[in-house]
Amino acid sequence: MWVAVARPEGFRLVAGEEKLTRYVFGPEKNEHFFCRHCGVRVFGVGNETPMGKMYGINIGCLKGVTEEELSKIPIRYVDGMHDRWDSVPEFHDYL
């Protein structure tokens, strides 16, 4: 599961930057950061998205976060598959 940071200026990478590999492709608008040891995508930075700048964080990589805290994270579904960023996808139960 991924969580998007609503206020990108609030994002802080507190440790492990030297263990990450940055990947970009195409027009290099977005950045993807992977663990260079296991290959897990830790987070990504959308520099030019329809919602503005955003960070998508793999919540499985967060330390010390309880299930109770995770259950309080608001979920906003967007239909990026069809470039309808202001709409909920028709089917999203599997997400």
Protein backbone atom coordinates (compact mmCIF):
# COMPACT_ATOMS: atom_id res chain seq x y z
CA MET A 1 0.00 0.00 0.00
CA TRP A 2 1.19 3.49 -0.82
CA VAL A 3 0.40 6.74 0.88
CA ALA A 4 0.77 10.12 -0.78
CA VAL A 5 2.09 13.01 1.27
CA ALA A 6 -0.33 15.91 0.89
CA ARG A 7 2.26 18.50 1.89
CA PRO A 8 5.51 17.55 0.14
CA GLU A 9 7.45 20.06 2.20
CA GLY A 10 6.69 17.89 5.23
CA PHE A 11 8.52 14.86 3.82
CA ARG A 12 11.84 14.00 5.50
CA LEU A 13 14.11 11.08 4.71
CA VAL A 14 15.72 10.57 8.11
CA ALA A 15 18.10 7.68 7.36
CA GLY A 16 19.31 5.31 4.66
CA GLU A 17 19.71 7.65 1.70
CA GLU A 18 23.03 5.96 0.82
CA LYS A 19 21.14 2.65 0.47
CA LEU A 20 18.79 3.96 -2.21
CA THR A 21 19.01 3.93 -5.98
CA ARG A 22 17.28 6.70 -7.92
CA TYR A 23 15.56 5.79 -11.18
CA VAL A 24 14.02 8.13 -13.75
CA PHE A 25 12.82 7.52 -17.30
CA GLY A 26 11.31 9.34 -20.26
CA PRO A 27 10.99 13.06 -19.61
CA GLU A 28 12.43 12.57 -16.10
CA LYS A 29 9.50 14.35 -14.43
CA ASN A 30 9.17 11.73 -11.71
CA GLU A 31 11.75 10.02 -9.52
CA HIS A 32 11.60 6.50 -8.12
CA PHE A 33 13.77 5.37 -5.21
CA PHE A 34 14.55 1.69 -4.67
CA CYS A 35 16.50 -0.16 -1.99
CA ARG A 36 19.77 -1.10 -3.68
CA HIS A 37 19.95 -4.29 -1.61
CA CYS A 38 16.49 -5.85 -1.98
CA GLY A 39 14.94 -3.86 -4.87
CA VAL A 40 11.82 -2.69 -3.02
CA ARG A 41 10.49 0.65 -4.20
CA VAL A 42 10.63 2.75 -1.06
CA PHE A 43 9.11 5.98 -2.35
CA GLY A 44 8.63 8.12 -5.41
CA VAL A 45 8.50 11.81 -6.13
CA GLY A 46 6.00 13.18 -8.62
CA ASN A 47 7.44 16.55 -9.59
CA GLU A 48 4.84 17.35 -12.23
CA THR A 49 1.55 15.59 -11.54
CA PRO A 50 -2.02 16.78 -12.08
CA MET A 51 -2.18 17.13 -8.27
CA GLY A 52 1.06 19.12 -8.07
CA LYS A 53 4.22 17.82 -6.43
CA MET A 54 3.67 14.71 -4.34
CA TYR A 55 5.52 11.90 -2.62
CA GLY A 56 4.22 8.35 -2.76
CA ILE A 57 5.54 6.31 0.15
CA ASN A 58 5.50 2.53 0.51
CA ILE A 59 4.02 2.25 4.01
CA GLY A 60 5.58 -1.19 4.41
CA CYS A 61 8.92 0.64 4.67
CA LEU A 62 7.91 2.83 7.61
CA LYS A 63 9.35 1.85 10.98
CA GLY A 64 7.43 2.18 14.21
CA VAL A 65 4.02 2.83 12.68
CA THR A 66 1.21 0.94 14.40
CA GLU A 67 -1.78 -0.67 12.72
CA GLU A 68 -3.97 1.83 14.55
CA GLU A 69 -2.02 4.74 13.06
CA LEU A 70 -2.18 3.19 9.60
CA SER A 71 -5.94 2.73 9.90
CA LYS A 72 -6.32 6.51 10.35
CA ILE A 73 -4.53 7.46 7.14
CA PRO A 74 -7.16 8.88 4.76
CA ILE A 75 -7.39 7.11 1.41
CA ARG A 76 -8.03 9.07 -1.77
CA TYR A 77 -8.50 6.96 -4.86
CA VAL A 78 -7.71 8.57 -8.22
CA ASP A 79 -8.17 7.17 -11.70
CA GLY A 80 -4.65 7.69 -13.03
CA MET A 81 -5.08 4.82 -15.48
CA HIS A 82 -7.44 6.99 -17.54
CA ASP A 83 -5.85 10.36 -16.61
CA ARG A 84 -8.93 11.31 -14.57
CA TRP A 85 -7.06 12.52 -11.51
CA ASP A 86 -10.15 14.16 -10.03
CA SER A 87 -12.26 10.97 -10.26
CA VAL A 88 -12.45 7.74 -8.32
CA PRO A 89 -11.84 4.64 -10.47
CA GLU A 90 -14.93 2.58 -11.20
CA PHE A 91 -13.35 -0.43 -9.44
CA HIS A 92 -10.96 0.07 -6.53
CA ASP A 93 -11.69 -2.70 -4.01
CA TYR A 94 -8.53 -4.50 -5.08
CA LEU A 95 -6.31 -1.49 -4.34
